[in-house]
Amino acid sequence: MPEPLPAESRLLLSCARGEFDPEALASAEALASVEALLLRGIDWTSLLASARRHSMLPLLYEWLQAMDAARIPPDVLAGLKGAYYTNLLRNHRLGADLAEVVAALGQEGIDTIVLKGGALARTVYGNPAQRPMVDLDLLVRQEQMAHAGDVLGTLGYHLSGSVPDSMVPFAQRFGGGLEWQRTRKGRVTRLDVQFDLVGVDWCWKAFPVEPRVIWEAARPLDLDGTPALQLSPEDTLIHLCLHPALHHGYYCPIISYVDMDRLIAVSRPDFSWERLVERALRFQAKTVVYYGLQCAHQLLGTPLPDEVQRALVPGPVQLRVLRSLAPLTPEAVLDAESEGLRGVGQVLLYAALVDRIRYVGSMVRGILFPSREWLAVRYSLESEEQAQRYRLVHPLRVARAFLRGLTRPLIESSLE
């Protein structure tokens, strides 16, 4: 781990790892013991703020409470304990809601793959309290999206409002999914129901993650007696690499990389590096997988075999562009002042992540000149005459959004 990292960052990264590494906790002078670092070298306010920002409070609590309590301020430990058990209760409630939703969908013949925290908290973490969750992510087949919405309505869920009513048909066809929510006894449960792992429609050809192949490889998942599905370990890892790249421009909490690290550590012997490489090549996501795993390796020491690196590594020019757009060093990831990429920068990142340069052209064409069906659904068009007019109007709207994206995040620029 680089020496310039503050003691608080070194401590946070150490508790993020699957196993305690005392060498990672050396003080800036590399002379003091762990006890001395805890006693006089930690800015607790800064550490707690960083842990909260990176969804690491439960793991930090488990790590610190196992140490000498005399070295930790009582109010710090008490606050972490409260956060830990609050997260445990929240996850227990979300787990019950998840089982209810999956059971109701299953009764209507709708298969469900549980994504991200909903599956990982049960399978790769020591206990559900360790993995904070804000919402529940589910994958259903695209042709069953409307039926799934009807079932969720009977359970008291409604569309969250994150997408205007006029855009719901577009989100169901081209947006990757919809967000639902339910308020019960003052508590809100959010569901992100998706039909595609990529989400950004003009990236579908660049990263062709085939739904049929994903579903065929899915594994059983037990939700306290309710049968569900989860992605295979290799597909899970690809999804964990795609999500921070395409949805956050790599400016995401450390817990995203902890997910990768724990998955690799716990999934053996089911997990196969050879299958991962084969899947990444098939889905044309080798650059995305390489870059995500490199970050996990630098942050947490996640194993990354040399032969896997050689099979996935992009060309030197592409790698330099990626590092300039999203420098995934520990310092950059932990920088509290970083604001992330602006809208245009994130689009450039998408282009830098494609495995084949010709797909950059397909992305540009998809943005500027989408299909007639896309235009019809996006703008609620009813006639061929309207479609022809919007073939001219749409590129102008993109140009305006592009200018906005010079100073705003992607979601605020309307480039999405």
Protein backbone atom coordinates (compact mmCIF):
# COMPACT_ATOMS: atom_id res chain seq x y z
CA MET A 1 0.00 0.00 0.00
CA PRO A 2 1.42 3.41 -0.90
CA GLU A 3 3.02 5.26 2.00
CA PRO A 4 1.35 8.65 1.32
CA LEU A 5 -2.07 7.29 2.30
CA PRO A 6 -3.23 8.73 5.64
CA ALA A 7 -3.51 6.38 8.59
CA GLU A 8 -7.32 6.57 8.43
CA SER A 9 -7.34 5.36 4.83
CA ARG A 10 -4.91 2.55 5.62
CA LEU A 11 -7.08 1.45 8.51
CA LEU A 12 -10.26 1.53 6.41
CA LEU A 13 -8.70 -0.50 3.59
CA SER A 14 -7.36 -3.03 6.06
CA CYS A 15 -10.79 -3.72 7.55
CA ALA A 16 -12.18 -4.00 4.01
CA ARG A 17 -10.01 -7.02 3.33
CA GLY A 18 -11.22 -10.51 3.97
CA GLU A 19 -8.38 -11.17 6.41
CA PHE A 20 -6.64 -8.90 8.88
CA ASP A 21 -3.24 -7.75 7.66
CA PRO A 22 -1.32 -6.12 10.53
CA GLU A 23 1.40 -4.89 8.18
CA ALA A 24 -1.15 -2.70 6.42
CA LEU A 25 -1.68 -0.73 9.61
CA ALA A 26 1.82 0.65 9.99
CA SER A 27 1.89 4.32 10.89
CA ALA A 28 3.24 7.00 8.58
CA GLU A 29 6.65 6.54 10.18
CA ALA A 30 6.35 2.76 9.62
CA LEU A 31 7.69 2.31 13.17
CA ALA A 32 4.73 2.55 15.51
CA SER A 33 2.74 -0.53 16.43
CA VAL A 34 -0.94 -0.97 15.69
CA GLU A 35 -1.77 0.03 19.27
CA ALA A 36 0.17 3.26 18.98
CA LEU A 37 -1.55 4.07 15.68
CA LEU A 38 -4.97 3.63 17.25
CA LEU A 39 -3.94 5.57 20.32
CA ARG A 40 -2.48 8.68 18.75
CA GLY A 41 -2.56 8.40 14.98
CA ILE A 42 -6.25 8.28 14.00
CA ASP A 43 -8.53 11.20 13.18
CA TRP A 44 -11.73 9.45 14.20
CA THR A 45 -14.04 12.06 12.69
CA SER A 46 -12.33 11.68 9.33
CA LEU A 47 -12.31 7.90 9.57
CA LEU A 48 -16.02 7.68 10.36
CA ALA A 49 -16.92 10.10 7.58
CA SER A 50 -14.90 8.06 5.08
CA ALA A 51 -16.39 4.78 6.33
CA ARG A 52 -19.91 6.19 5.97
CA ARG A 53 -19.18 7.50 2.48
CA HIS A 54 -17.87 4.12 1.37
CA SER A 55 -20.60 2.00 3.09
CA MET A 56 -17.98 0.51 5.39
CA LEU A 57 -19.36 1.29 8.87
CA PRO A 58 -20.45 -2.32 9.65
CA LEU A 59 -17.12 -3.81 8.58
CA LEU A 60 -15.21 -1.13 10.49
CA TYR A 61 -17.23 -1.93 13.63
CA GLU A 62 -16.60 -5.67 13.39
CA TRP A 63 -12.91 -5.04 12.96
CA LEU A 64 -12.51 -2.49 15.76
CA GLN A 65 -14.70 -4.21 18.34
CA ALA A 66 -12.37 -7.23 18.17
CA MET A 67 -9.44 -5.05 19.25
CA ASP A 68 -8.51 -3.53 22.61
CA ALA A 69 -11.44 -1.25 23.46
CA ALA A 70 -9.15 0.97 25.53
CA ARG A 71 -7.52 2.17 22.32
CA ILE A 72 -10.82 3.32 20.78
CA PRO A 73 -12.89 6.28 22.03
CA PRO A 74 -16.07 4.90 23.67
CA ASP A 75 -18.35 7.25 21.71
CA VAL A 76 -16.78 6.06 18.43
CA LEU A 77 -17.34 2.40 19.29
CA ALA A 78 -20.87 3.09 20.54
CA GLY A 79 -21.73 4.97 17.34
CA LEU A 80 -20.35 2.18 15.18
CA LYS A 81 -22.26 -0.40 17.20
CA GLY A 82 -25.48 1.53 16.66
CA ALA A 83 -24.83 1.77 12.92
CA TYR A 84 -24.03 -1.95 12.79
CA TYR A 85 -27.24 -3.11 14.45
CA THR A 86 -29.33 -0.55 12.59
CA ASN A 87 -27.97 -2.02 9.36
CA LEU A 88 -28.68 -5.53 10.62
CA LEU A 89 -32.33 -4.64 11.30
CA ARG A 90 -32.67 -2.85 7.95
CA ASN A 91 -31.22 -5.80 6.06
CA HIS A 92 -33.50 -8.20 7.94
CA ARG A 93 -36.52 -6.14 6.88
CA LEU A 94 -35.27 -5.84 3.30
CA GLY A 95 -34.67 -9.58 3.25
CA ALA A 96 -38.27 -10.23 4.26
CA ASP A 97 -39.53 -7.80 1.60
CA LEU A 98 -37.28 -9.45 -0.99
CA ALA A 99 -38.63 -12.91 -0.18
CA GLU A 100 -42.21 -11.59 -0.38
CA VAL A 101 -41.64 -10.02 -3.79
CA VAL A 102 -39.81 -13.03 -5.25
CA ALA A 103 -42.50 -15.41 -3.97
CA ALA A 104 -45.30 -13.28 -5.45
CA LEU A 105 -43.54 -13.02 -8.81
CA GLY A 106 -42.83 -16.76 -8.80
CA GLN A 107 -46.50 -17.57 -8.23
CA GLU A 108 -47.23 -15.68 -11.46
CA GLY A 109 -44.58 -17.60 -13.39
CA ILE A 110 -42.03 -14.76 -13.34
CA ASP A 111 -38.47 -15.91 -12.70
CA THR A 112 -36.27 -13.52 -10.71
CA ILE A 113 -32.51 -13.17 -10.43
CA VAL A 114 -31.46 -11.31 -7.27
CA LEU A 115 -28.58 -8.93 -7.99
CA LYS A 116 -25.87 -7.18 -5.97
CA GLY A 117 -26.40 -6.74 -2.22
CA GLY A 118 -29.60 -8.76 -2.00
CA ALA A 119 -27.67 -11.87 -3.08
CA LEU A 120 -24.16 -11.01 -1.88
CA ALA A 121 -25.15 -10.22 1.72
CA ARG A 122 -26.41 -13.80 2.03
CA THR A 123 -23.68 -15.60 0.14
CA VAL A 124 -20.24 -13.98 0.30
CA TYR A 125 -20.31 -11.98 3.54
CA GLY A 126 -19.94 -13.47 7.00
CA ASN A 127 -23.38 -12.21 8.01
CA PRO A 128 -26.04 -9.95 6.45
CA ALA A 129 -25.15 -7.00 8.71
CA GLN A 130 -21.78 -6.55 6.98
CA ARG A 131 -23.21 -5.46 3.62
CA PRO A 132 -25.28 -2.22 3.68
CA MET A 133 -28.14 -2.01 1.18
CA VAL A 134 -30.12 1.01 0.04
CA ASP A 135 -32.43 -0.83 -2.34
CA LEU A 136 -33.05 -4.26 -3.82
CA ASP A 137 -31.98 -5.06 -7.39
CA LEU A 138 -33.86 -7.68 -9.36
CA LEU A 139 -33.51 -9.00 -12.90
CA VAL A 140 -36.56 -10.24 -14.81
CA ARG A 141 -37.04 -11.11 -18.46
CA GLN A 142 -37.90 -8.10 -20.62
CA GLU A 143 -41.12 -9.64 -21.91
CA GLN A 144 -42.29 -10.04 -18.31
CA MET A 145 -41.59 -6.47 -17.16
CA ALA A 146 -45.19 -5.29 -17.53
CA HIS A 147 -46.58 -8.38 -15.76
CA ALA A 148 -44.03 -7.93 -12.97
CA GLY A 149 -45.24 -4.35 -12.54
CA ASP A 150 -48.83 -5.58 -12.13
CA VAL A 151 -47.72 -8.05 -9.44
CA LEU A 152 -45.77 -5.37 -7.57
CA GLY A 153 -48.85 -3.16 -7.66
CA THR A 154 -50.85 -5.82 -5.80
CA LEU A 155 -48.16 -5.77 -3.08
CA GLY A 156 -48.50 -2.02 -2.61
CA TYR A 157 -45.54 -0.88 -4.72
CA HIS A 158 -45.74 2.04 -7.11
CA LEU A 159 -43.31 3.66 -9.52
CA SER A 160 -40.89 5.83 -7.58
CA GLY A 161 -41.23 8.90 -9.77
CA SER A 162 -37.58 8.83 -10.77
CA VAL A 163 -38.88 8.46 -14.33
CA PRO A 164 -41.73 10.75 -15.51
CA ASP A 165 -44.95 8.96 -16.44
CA SER A 166 -44.44 9.88 -20.09
CA MET A 167 -41.07 8.08 -20.07
CA VAL A 168 -42.22 4.81 -18.47
CA PRO A 169 -42.80 3.03 -21.82
CA PHE A 170 -39.35 4.12 -22.93
CA ALA A 171 -37.73 2.89 -19.69
CA GLN A 172 -39.49 -0.47 -20.10
CA ARG A 173 -38.24 -0.87 -23.67
CA PHE A 174 -34.89 0.92 -23.77
CA GLY A 175 -34.04 2.12 -20.26
CA GLY A 176 -33.01 -1.17 -18.73
CA GLY A 177 -35.67 -1.17 -16.01
CA LEU A 178 -37.85 0.75 -13.57
CA GLU A 179 -37.62 1.74 -9.91
CA TRP A 180 -40.51 0.86 -7.59
CA GLN A 181 -41.11 1.71 -3.96
CA ARG A 182 -43.47 0.99 -1.09
CA THR A 183 -43.94 2.82 2.20
CA ARG A 184 -45.07 0.69 5.11
CA LYS A 185 -45.05 1.78 8.76
CA GLY A 186 -42.93 4.77 7.84
CA ARG A 187 -40.25 2.64 6.15
CA VAL A 188 -39.54 2.79 2.43
CA THR A 189 -38.50 -0.23 0.37
CA ARG A 190 -37.08 0.49 -3.08
CA LEU A 191 -36.89 -2.07 -5.86
CA ASP A 192 -34.80 -1.60 -8.97
CA VAL A 193 -36.37 -4.05 -11.42
CA GLN A 194 -34.14 -4.50 -14.47
CA PHE A 195 -34.17 -6.59 -17.61
CA ASP A 196 -30.60 -5.81 -18.73
CA LEU A 197 -27.28 -5.71 -16.86
CA VAL A 198 -25.83 -2.90 -18.99
CA GLY A 199 -28.71 -0.46 -18.65
CA VAL A 200 -27.49 2.22 -21.07
CA ASP A 201 -29.24 1.36 -24.32
CA TRP A 202 -26.64 2.87 -26.67
CA CYS A 203 -24.04 0.64 -24.99
CA TRP A 204 -25.92 -2.60 -25.67
CA LYS A 205 -24.05 -3.35 -28.89
CA ALA A 206 -20.72 -2.35 -27.38
CA PHE A 207 -21.22 -4.64 -24.35
CA PRO A 208 -23.54 -7.41 -25.60
CA VAL A 209 -24.23 -9.20 -22.33
CA GLU A 210 -26.63 -11.80 -23.68
CA PRO A 211 -29.71 -12.23 -21.44
CA ARG A 212 -30.30 -15.81 -22.60
CA VAL A 213 -26.77 -16.83 -21.63
CA ILE A 214 -27.08 -15.07 -18.27
CA TRP A 215 -30.33 -16.85 -17.43
CA GLU A 216 -29.05 -20.26 -18.52
CA ALA A 217 -26.06 -19.98 -16.15
CA ALA A 218 -28.04 -18.67 -13.14
CA ARG A 219 -27.70 -20.57 -9.85
CA PRO A 220 -30.27 -21.27 -7.09
CA LEU A 221 -30.52 -18.82 -4.19
CA ASP A 222 -32.38 -19.60 -0.99
CA LEU A 223 -34.20 -16.61 0.56
CA ASP A 224 -35.05 -18.20 3.92
CA GLY A 225 -37.10 -20.90 2.25
CA THR A 226 -38.20 -18.90 -0.79
CA PRO A 227 -36.47 -20.18 -3.95
CA ALA A 228 -34.86 -17.57 -6.18
CA LEU A 229 -31.95 -17.29 -8.58
CA GLN A 230 -28.61 -15.51 -8.55
CA LEU A 231 -26.05 -14.94 -11.29
CA SER A 232 -23.24 -17.44 -11.67
CA PRO A 233 -20.02 -16.34 -9.88
CA GLU A 234 -18.42 -15.33 -13.19
CA ASP A 235 -21.46 -13.37 -14.38
CA THR A 236 -21.74 -11.75 -10.94
CA LEU A 237 -18.16 -10.55 -11.17
CA ILE A 238 -18.72 -9.16 -14.68
CA HIS A 239 -21.82 -7.32 -13.42
CA LEU A 240 -19.87 -5.96 -10.44
CA CYS A 241 -17.27 -4.61 -12.90
CA LEU A 242 -19.87 -3.17 -15.30
CA HIS A 243 -21.93 -1.34 -12.70
CA PRO A 244 -19.32 1.10 -11.30
CA ALA A 245 -17.99 1.71 -14.82
CA LEU A 246 -21.25 2.46 -16.65
CA HIS A 247 -23.36 3.90 -13.85
CA HIS A 248 -20.85 5.75 -11.66
CA GLY A 249 -17.87 6.46 -13.85
CA TYR A 250 -15.84 4.52 -11.25
CA TYR A 251 -16.53 7.11 -8.54
CA CYS A 252 -18.29 4.66 -6.27
CA PRO A 253 -17.95 3.42 -2.66
CA ILE A 254 -15.21 0.97 -1.72
CA ILE A 255 -17.89 -1.59 -0.87
CA SER A 256 -18.24 -2.19 -4.62
CA TYR A 257 -14.69 -3.53 -4.70
CA VAL A 258 -15.15 -5.39 -1.42
CA ASP A 259 -18.00 -7.25 -3.18
CA MET A 260 -15.53 -8.37 -5.87
CA ASP A 261 -12.90 -9.36 -3.32
CA ARG A 262 -15.30 -11.41 -1.18
CA LEU A 263 -16.91 -13.07 -4.20
CA ILE A 264 -13.55 -14.33 -5.48
CA ALA A 265 -12.48 -15.49 -2.00
CA VAL A 266 -15.71 -17.30 -1.10
CA SER A 267 -16.91 -18.71 -4.44
CA ARG A 268 -14.10 -21.19 -4.97
CA PRO A 269 -14.13 -23.91 -6.24
CA ASP A 270 -17.31 -22.88 -8.14
CA PHE A 271 -15.57 -19.76 -9.45
CA SER A 272 -13.31 -20.28 -12.47
CA TRP A 273 -10.84 -17.72 -13.82
CA GLU A 274 -10.89 -19.55 -17.15
CA ARG A 275 -14.69 -19.23 -17.37
CA LEU A 276 -14.47 -15.58 -16.35
CA VAL A 277 -12.10 -14.82 -19.24
CA GLU A 278 -14.31 -16.77 -21.65
CA ARG A 279 -17.42 -14.85 -20.51
CA ALA A 280 -15.67 -11.48 -20.62
CA LEU A 281 -14.54 -12.13 -24.18
CA ARG A 282 -17.98 -13.36 -25.21
CA PHE A 283 -19.67 -10.28 -23.74
CA GLN A 284 -16.91 -8.01 -25.13
CA ALA A 285 -16.30 -6.75 -21.60
CA LYS A 286 -12.68 -7.74 -21.10
CA THR A 287 -11.48 -4.14 -20.69
CA VAL A 288 -14.24 -3.40 -18.15
CA VAL A 289 -13.41 -6.56 -16.20
CA TYR A 290 -9.67 -5.91 -16.34
CA TYR A 291 -9.99 -2.36 -15.05
CA GLY A 292 -12.41 -3.24 -12.25
CA LEU A 293 -10.25 -6.14 -11.06
CA GLN A 294 -7.15 -3.95 -11.21
CA CYS A 295 -8.79 -1.50 -8.82
CA ALA A 296 -9.81 -4.29 -6.42
CA HIS A 297 -6.26 -5.63 -6.62
CA GLN A 298 -4.68 -2.23 -5.83
CA LEU A 299 -7.12 -1.40 -3.04
CA LEU A 300 -7.55 -4.75 -1.32
CA GLY A 301 -4.90 -7.08 -2.67
CA THR A 302 -7.56 -9.12 -4.49
CA PRO A 303 -5.82 -11.97 -6.32
CA LEU A 304 -5.49 -11.46 -10.06
CA PRO A 305 -3.50 -14.22 -11.79
CA ASP A 306 -0.91 -13.14 -14.36
CA GLU A 307 -2.48 -15.23 -17.11
CA VAL A 308 -5.84 -13.55 -16.49
CA GLN A 309 -4.25 -10.10 -16.69
CA ARG A 310 -2.55 -11.02 -19.97
CA ALA A 311 -5.84 -12.31 -21.42
CA LEU A 312 -7.81 -9.20 -20.46
CA VAL A 313 -5.38 -6.28 -20.61
CA PRO A 314 -6.24 -3.62 -23.24
CA GLY A 315 -3.66 -1.93 -25.46
CA PRO A 316 -1.27 0.62 -23.95
CA VAL A 317 -2.92 3.66 -25.55
CA GLN A 318 -6.38 2.58 -24.39
CA LEU A 319 -5.03 1.95 -20.91
CA ARG A 320 -3.47 5.41 -20.73
CA VAL A 321 -6.77 7.00 -21.76
CA LEU A 322 -8.62 5.01 -19.10
CA ARG A 323 -6.15 6.01 -16.41
CA SER A 324 -6.44 9.67 -17.35
CA LEU A 325 -10.26 9.57 -17.23
CA ALA A 326 -10.61 7.40 -14.13
CA PRO A 327 -7.36 6.95 -12.18
CA LEU A 328 -8.25 4.01 -9.94
CA THR A 329 -5.44 4.50 -7.44
CA PRO A 330 -6.21 4.18 -3.72
CA GLU A 331 -5.60 7.91 -3.37
CA ALA A 332 -8.14 8.75 -6.11
CA VAL A 333 -10.79 6.33 -4.87
CA LEU A 334 -10.52 7.60 -1.28
CA ASP A 335 -10.37 11.29 -2.19
CA ALA A 336 -13.32 12.93 -0.42
CA GLU A 337 -13.06 16.03 -2.60
CA SER A 338 -13.42 14.20 -5.91
CA GLU A 339 -16.62 15.09 -7.79
CA GLY A 340 -16.39 12.36 -10.42
CA LEU A 341 -16.68 12.69 -14.17
CA ARG A 342 -18.90 15.24 -15.87
CA GLY A 343 -21.41 14.00 -18.43
CA VAL A 344 -19.16 14.24 -21.47
CA GLY A 345 -16.29 12.69 -19.52
CA GLN A 346 -18.45 9.71 -18.67
CA VAL A 347 -19.42 9.22 -22.32
CA LEU A 348 -15.71 9.34 -23.21
CA LEU A 349 -15.12 6.72 -20.53
CA TYR A 350 -17.70 4.47 -22.17
CA ALA A 351 -15.85 4.82 -25.45
CA ALA A 352 -12.51 4.07 -23.79
CA LEU A 353 -13.91 0.86 -22.27
CA VAL A 354 -15.04 -0.84 -25.49
CA ASP A 355 -13.01 -3.83 -26.61
CA ARG A 356 -13.25 -3.03 -30.32
CA ILE A 357 -12.81 0.46 -31.72
CA ARG A 358 -15.57 -0.03 -34.29
CA TYR A 359 -18.11 -0.13 -31.45
CA VAL A 360 -17.32 3.49 -30.65
CA GLY A 361 -18.91 4.32 -34.00
CA SER A 362 -21.98 2.24 -33.13
CA MET A 363 -22.30 4.13 -29.84
CA VAL A 364 -22.10 7.48 -31.63
CA ARG A 365 -24.68 6.36 -34.19
CA GLY A 366 -26.92 5.09 -31.42
CA ILE A 367 -26.77 8.45 -29.68
CA LEU A 368 -27.26 10.65 -32.74
CA PHE A 369 -29.34 8.48 -35.06
CA PRO A 370 -31.38 5.95 -33.06
CA SER A 371 -33.90 3.61 -34.67
CA ARG A 372 -37.40 4.68 -35.67
CA GLU A 373 -38.82 2.55 -32.82
CA TRP A 374 -36.54 4.33 -30.34
CA LEU A 375 -37.68 7.74 -31.59
CA ALA A 376 -41.33 6.70 -31.56
CA VAL A 377 -41.22 5.46 -27.97
CA ARG A 378 -38.97 8.26 -26.68
CA TYR A 379 -41.04 11.10 -28.15
CA SER A 380 -44.48 9.40 -28.23
CA LEU A 381 -44.66 9.74 -32.02
CA GLU A 382 -47.69 8.50 -33.93
CA SER A 383 -46.92 9.11 -37.60
CA GLU A 384 -44.12 8.65 -40.11
CA GLU A 385 -44.12 12.39 -40.68
CA GLN A 386 -43.34 13.00 -37.01
CA ALA A 387 -40.62 10.36 -37.12
CA GLN A 388 -38.95 12.08 -40.07
CA ARG A 389 -39.05 15.42 -38.29
CA TYR A 390 -37.52 13.99 -35.13
CA ARG A 391 -34.70 12.43 -37.09
CA LEU A 392 -33.56 16.04 -37.51
CA VAL A 393 -34.67 17.31 -34.09
CA HIS A 394 -33.03 14.55 -32.05
CA PRO A 395 -29.37 15.28 -33.03
CA LEU A 396 -29.96 18.92 -32.05
CA ARG A 397 -31.25 17.84 -28.65
CA VAL A 398 -28.17 15.66 -28.24
CA ALA A 399 -25.94 18.62 -29.09
CA ARG A 400 -27.64 20.70 -26.41
CA ALA A 401 -27.24 17.88 -23.88
CA PHE A 402 -23.59 17.52 -24.89
CA LEU A 403 -22.98 21.17 -24.02
CA ARG A 404 -24.73 20.71 -20.69
CA GLY A 405 -22.59 17.64 -20.08
CA LEU A 406 -19.43 19.73 -20.13
CA THR A 407 -20.33 20.98 -16.65
CA ARG A 408 -22.92 18.54 -15.31
CA PRO A 409 -23.02 14.83 -14.47
CA LEU A 410 -24.48 12.53 -17.12
CA ILE A 411 -27.89 12.17 -15.44
CA GLU A 412 -28.28 15.96 -15.16
CA SER A 413 -27.24 16.70 -18.73
CA SER A 414 -30.09 14.66 -20.33
CA LEU A 415 -27.48 12.73 -22.33
CA GLU A 416 -28.84 9.64 -20.58
